[in-house]
């Protein structure tokens, strides 16, 4: 019985992480569209990198490897953009 409860708890955490990643992607886009954030701001890129990492992990655990690759590349592009802002 404990293993079932533990599995449910792990699944809930994983689902929450997936929802968080999706929410960050959408929220950052909404902030850009409404003019609250600029596409060259640290906040925009940090939100997108965090979302991409969250969704990469979620997709990996679910076995959706196309999404893993796409989101990992998205995160790397975001890190490159942040590095460009810093340097």
Protein backbone atom coordinates (compact mmCIF):
# COMPACT_ATOMS: atom_id res chain seq x y z
CA UNK A 1 0.00 0.00 0.00
CA UNK A 2 2.84 2.41 0.75
CA UNK A 3 4.33 1.94 -2.70
CA UNK A 4 1.03 2.92 -4.32
CA UNK A 5 0.83 6.08 -2.19
CA UNK A 6 4.46 6.88 -2.97
CA UNK A 7 3.87 6.40 -6.69
CA UNK A 8 0.83 8.68 -6.58
CA UNK A 9 2.82 11.35 -4.73
CA UNK A 10 5.66 11.15 -7.28
CA UNK A 11 3.19 11.33 -10.15
CA UNK A 12 1.52 14.38 -8.60
CA UNK A 13 4.87 16.14 -8.25
CA UNK A 14 5.78 15.31 -11.84
CA UNK A 15 2.41 16.54 -13.11
CA UNK A 16 2.81 19.73 -11.08
CA UNK A 17 6.23 20.31 -12.62
CA UNK A 18 4.79 19.84 -16.10
CA UNK A 19 1.97 22.30 -15.39
CA UNK A 20 4.46 24.79 -13.93
CA UNK A 21 6.61 24.62 -17.06
CA UNK A 22 3.62 25.14 -19.31
CA UNK A 23 2.35 28.03 -17.17
CA UNK A 24 5.75 29.75 -17.25
CA UNK A 25 5.91 29.47 -21.06
CA UNK A 26 2.45 30.96 -21.45
CA UNK A 27 2.87 33.63 -18.77
CA UNK A 28 6.16 34.88 -20.22
CA UNK A 29 4.57 35.08 -23.66
CA UNK A 30 1.56 36.94 -22.25
CA UNK A 31 3.88 39.45 -20.56
CA UNK A 32 5.66 40.09 -23.86
CA UNK A 33 2.44 40.45 -25.84
CA UNK A 34 1.02 42.93 -23.31
CA UNK A 35 4.26 44.93 -23.32
CA UNK A 36 5.08 44.20 -19.68
CA UNK A 37 8.32 42.44 -20.66
CA UNK A 38 10.65 42.97 -23.58
CA UNK A 39 11.94 39.97 -25.48
CA UNK A 40 15.50 40.99 -24.64
CA UNK A 41 14.94 41.14 -20.86
CA UNK A 42 16.57 38.84 -18.31
CA UNK A 43 13.18 38.04 -16.78
CA UNK A 44 11.75 36.83 -20.08
CA UNK A 45 14.69 34.59 -20.82
CA UNK A 46 14.94 33.27 -17.26
CA UNK A 47 11.26 32.36 -17.25
CA UNK A 48 11.62 30.57 -20.56
CA UNK A 49 14.76 28.68 -19.51
CA UNK A 50 13.10 27.59 -16.25
CA UNK A 51 9.98 26.52 -18.16
CA UNK A 52 12.05 24.61 -20.71
CA UNK A 53 14.00 22.75 -18.02
CA UNK A 54 10.80 21.87 -16.16
CA UNK A 55 9.12 20.64 -19.30
CA UNK A 56 12.25 18.80 -20.45
CA UNK A 57 12.32 16.81 -17.21
CA UNK A 58 8.57 16.17 -17.35
CA UNK A 59 8.80 14.97 -20.94
CA UNK A 60 11.79 12.76 -20.17
CA UNK A 61 9.98 11.05 -17.30
CA UNK A 62 6.94 10.53 -19.55
CA UNK A 63 9.06 9.15 -22.38
CA UNK A 64 8.21 11.88 -24.88
CA UNK A 65 11.68 12.23 -26.33
CA UNK A 66 10.80 14.60 -29.18
CA UNK A 67 9.65 17.10 -26.57
CA UNK A 68 12.78 16.45 -24.49
CA UNK A 69 15.00 17.39 -27.43
CA UNK A 70 12.93 20.41 -28.46
CA UNK A 71 12.76 21.83 -24.92
CA UNK A 72 16.43 21.12 -24.17
CA UNK A 73 17.39 23.04 -27.31
CA UNK A 74 14.97 25.82 -26.32
CA UNK A 75 16.68 26.02 -22.91
CA UNK A 76 20.13 26.17 -24.51
CA UNK A 77 18.99 28.98 -26.80
CA UNK A 78 17.68 30.83 -23.75
CA UNK A 79 20.98 30.36 -21.91
CA UNK A 80 22.79 31.69 -25.00
CA UNK A 81 20.48 34.73 -25.01
CA UNK A 82 21.15 35.38 -21.31
CA UNK A 83 24.89 35.09 -21.89
CA UNK A 84 24.54 37.63 -24.70
CA UNK A 85 22.80 40.04 -22.34
CA UNK A 86 25.51 39.61 -19.70
CA UNK A 87 28.49 39.97 -22.04
